[in-house]
Amino acid sequence: MSRQIKLIWDFRGPTSAKTAEHHEIHLKEYITAEKLLLNITGFEIYSEMHAIAYMVVNDENMLQVRDALKPHRGVLFE
């Protein structure tokens, strides 16, 4: 089984929660359009001023998704 990588987009400011929630919609659309096998997405709110949207990809898809969607960072997904 290949590694899974959580790609993360950070949003800051008073509208960060709504922006992260909306960004997840676009991540789901990308998964559908590109027919990716994994469909793990989500958003998390850390404070009033910081939220993230994320997408989990397989190692072999990471470069394709990274280059197309330009996440801010990535971590191994466990």
C-alpha atoms as a PDB file:
ATOM      1  CA  MET A   1       0.000   0.000   0.000  1.00  0.00           C
ATOM      2  CA  SER A   2       1.351   3.428  -0.918  1.00  0.00           C
ATOM      3  CA  ARG A   3       1.753   6.280   1.504  1.00  0.00           C
ATOM      4  CA  GLN A   4      -1.086   8.713   1.900  1.00  0.00           C
ATOM      5  CA  ILE A   5      -0.327  12.419   2.085  1.00  0.00           C
ATOM      6  CA  LYS A   6      -2.580  15.097   3.559  1.00  0.00           C
ATOM      7  CA  LEU A   7      -2.255  18.257   1.471  1.00  0.00           C
ATOM      8  CA  ILE A   8      -3.214  21.361   3.433  1.00  0.00           C
ATOM      9  CA  TRP A   9      -4.364  24.855   2.500  1.00  0.00           C
ATOM     10  CA  ASP A  10      -4.202  27.420   5.323  1.00  0.00           C
ATOM     11  CA  PHE A  11      -6.641  30.300   5.545  1.00  0.00           C
ATOM     12  CA  ARG A  12      -6.269  33.180   7.971  1.00  0.00           C
ATOM     13  CA  GLY A  13      -8.427  36.099   8.969  1.00  0.00           C
ATOM     14  CA  PRO A  14     -11.998  36.599  10.156  1.00  0.00           C
ATOM     15  CA  THR A  15     -13.445  34.750   7.131  1.00  0.00           C
ATOM     16  CA  SER A  16     -11.026  31.814   7.304  1.00  0.00           C
ATOM     17  CA  ALA A  17     -13.668  29.272   8.404  1.00  0.00           C
ATOM     18  CA  LYS A  18     -16.056  30.042   5.555  1.00  0.00           C
ATOM     19  CA  THR A  19     -13.198  30.165   3.050  1.00  0.00           C
ATOM     20  CA  ALA A  20     -11.864  26.763   4.144  1.00  0.00           C
ATOM     21  CA  GLU A  21     -15.361  25.271   4.024  1.00  0.00           C
ATOM     22  CA  HIS A  22     -15.858  26.619   0.505  1.00  0.00           C
ATOM     23  CA  HIS A  23     -12.409  25.475  -0.636  1.00  0.00           C
ATOM     24  CA  GLU A  24     -13.326  21.899   0.303  1.00  0.00           C
ATOM     25  CA  ILE A  25     -16.100  22.028  -2.315  1.00  0.00           C
ATOM     26  CA  HIS A  26     -13.512  22.755  -4.998  1.00  0.00           C
ATOM     27  CA  LEU A  27     -11.278  19.952  -3.742  1.00  0.00           C
ATOM     28  CA  LYS A  28     -14.166  17.498  -4.108  1.00  0.00           C
ATOM     29  CA  GLU A  29     -14.820  18.795  -7.626  1.00  0.00           C
ATOM     30  CA  TYR A  30     -11.163  18.220  -8.515  1.00  0.00           C
ATOM     31  CA  ILE A  31     -11.290  14.639  -7.199  1.00  0.00           C
ATOM     32  CA  THR A  32     -14.333  13.944  -9.363  1.00  0.00           C
ATOM     33  CA  ALA A  33     -12.882  15.609 -12.457  1.00  0.00           C
ATOM     34  CA  GLU A  34      -9.535  13.793 -12.166  1.00  0.00           C
ATOM     35  CA  LYS A  35     -11.119  10.465 -11.094  1.00  0.00           C
ATOM     36  CA  LEU A  36      -8.788  10.087  -8.105  1.00  0.00           C
ATOM     37  CA  LEU A  37      -9.199   6.951  -6.011  1.00  0.00           C
ATOM     38  CA  LEU A  38      -9.184   8.630  -2.615  1.00  0.00           C
ATOM     39  CA  ASN A  39     -11.952  11.030  -1.708  1.00  0.00           C
ATOM     40  CA  ILE A  40     -10.896  12.137   1.756  1.00  0.00           C
ATOM     41  CA  THR A  41     -11.352  15.885   2.197  1.00  0.00           C
ATOM     42  CA  GLY A  42     -12.350  18.174   5.002  1.00  0.00           C
ATOM     43  CA  PHE A  43     -11.841  21.423   6.792  1.00  0.00           C
ATOM     44  CA  GLU A  44     -10.846  22.217  10.362  1.00  0.00           C
ATOM     45  CA  ILE A  45     -11.246  25.416  12.327  1.00  0.00           C
ATOM     46  CA  TYR A  46      -8.401  26.134  14.744  1.00  0.00           C
ATOM     47  CA  SER A  47      -9.443  29.612  15.892  1.00  0.00           C
ATOM     48  CA  GLU A  48     -11.447  32.632  14.774  1.00  0.00           C
ATOM     49  CA  MET A  49      -8.501  33.601  12.613  1.00  0.00           C
ATOM     50  CA  HIS A  50      -7.155  30.273  11.297  1.00  0.00           C
ATOM     51  CA  ALA A  51      -8.764  27.378   9.436  1.00  0.00           C
ATOM     52  CA  ILE A  52      -7.558  24.772   6.961  1.00  0.00           C
ATOM     53  CA  ALA A  53      -8.960  22.758   4.093  1.00  0.00           C
ATOM     54  CA  TYR A  54      -7.312  19.435   3.302  1.00  0.00           C
ATOM     55  CA  MET A  55      -7.262  16.612   0.807  1.00  0.00           C
ATOM     56  CA  VAL A  56      -5.642  13.194   1.182  1.00  0.00           C
ATOM     57  CA  VAL A  57      -3.897  11.755  -1.871  1.00  0.00           C
ATOM     58  CA  ASN A  58      -1.854   8.651  -2.615  1.00  0.00           C
ATOM     59  CA  ASP A  59       1.876   9.118  -2.977  1.00  0.00           C
ATOM     60  CA  GLU A  60       1.733   8.490  -6.737  1.00  0.00           C
ATOM     61  CA  ASN A  61      -0.828  11.313  -7.218  1.00  0.00           C
ATOM     62  CA  MET A  62       0.894  13.829  -4.960  1.00  0.00           C
ATOM     63  CA  LEU A  63       3.009  15.585  -7.600  1.00  0.00           C
ATOM     64  CA  GLN A  64       0.069  15.935 -10.002  1.00  0.00           C
ATOM     65  CA  VAL A  65      -2.207  17.400  -7.334  1.00  0.00           C
ATOM     66  CA  ARG A  66       0.524  19.570  -5.807  1.00  0.00           C
ATOM     67  CA  ASP A  67       1.397  21.134  -9.149  1.00  0.00           C
ATOM     68  CA  ALA A  68      -2.250  21.697 -10.103  1.00  0.00           C
ATOM     69  CA  LEU A  69      -3.660  22.951  -6.785  1.00  0.00           C
ATOM     70  CA  LYS A  70      -0.621  24.434  -5.005  1.00  0.00           C
ATOM     71  CA  PRO A  71      -1.245  23.441  -1.360  1.00  0.00           C
ATOM     72  CA  HIS A  72       0.585  25.372   1.339  1.00  0.00           C
ATOM     73  CA  ARG A  73       1.977  22.249   2.988  1.00  0.00           C
ATOM     74  CA  GLY A  74       1.640  18.507   3.336  1.00  0.00           C
ATOM     75  CA  VAL A  75       2.032  15.847   6.020  1.00  0.00           C
ATOM     76  CA  LEU A  76       1.862  12.068   6.092  1.00  0.00           C
ATOM     77  CA  PHE A  77      -1.718  10.916   6.704  1.00  0.00           C
ATOM     78  CA  GLU A  78      -2.179   8.186   9.275  1.00  0.00           C
END
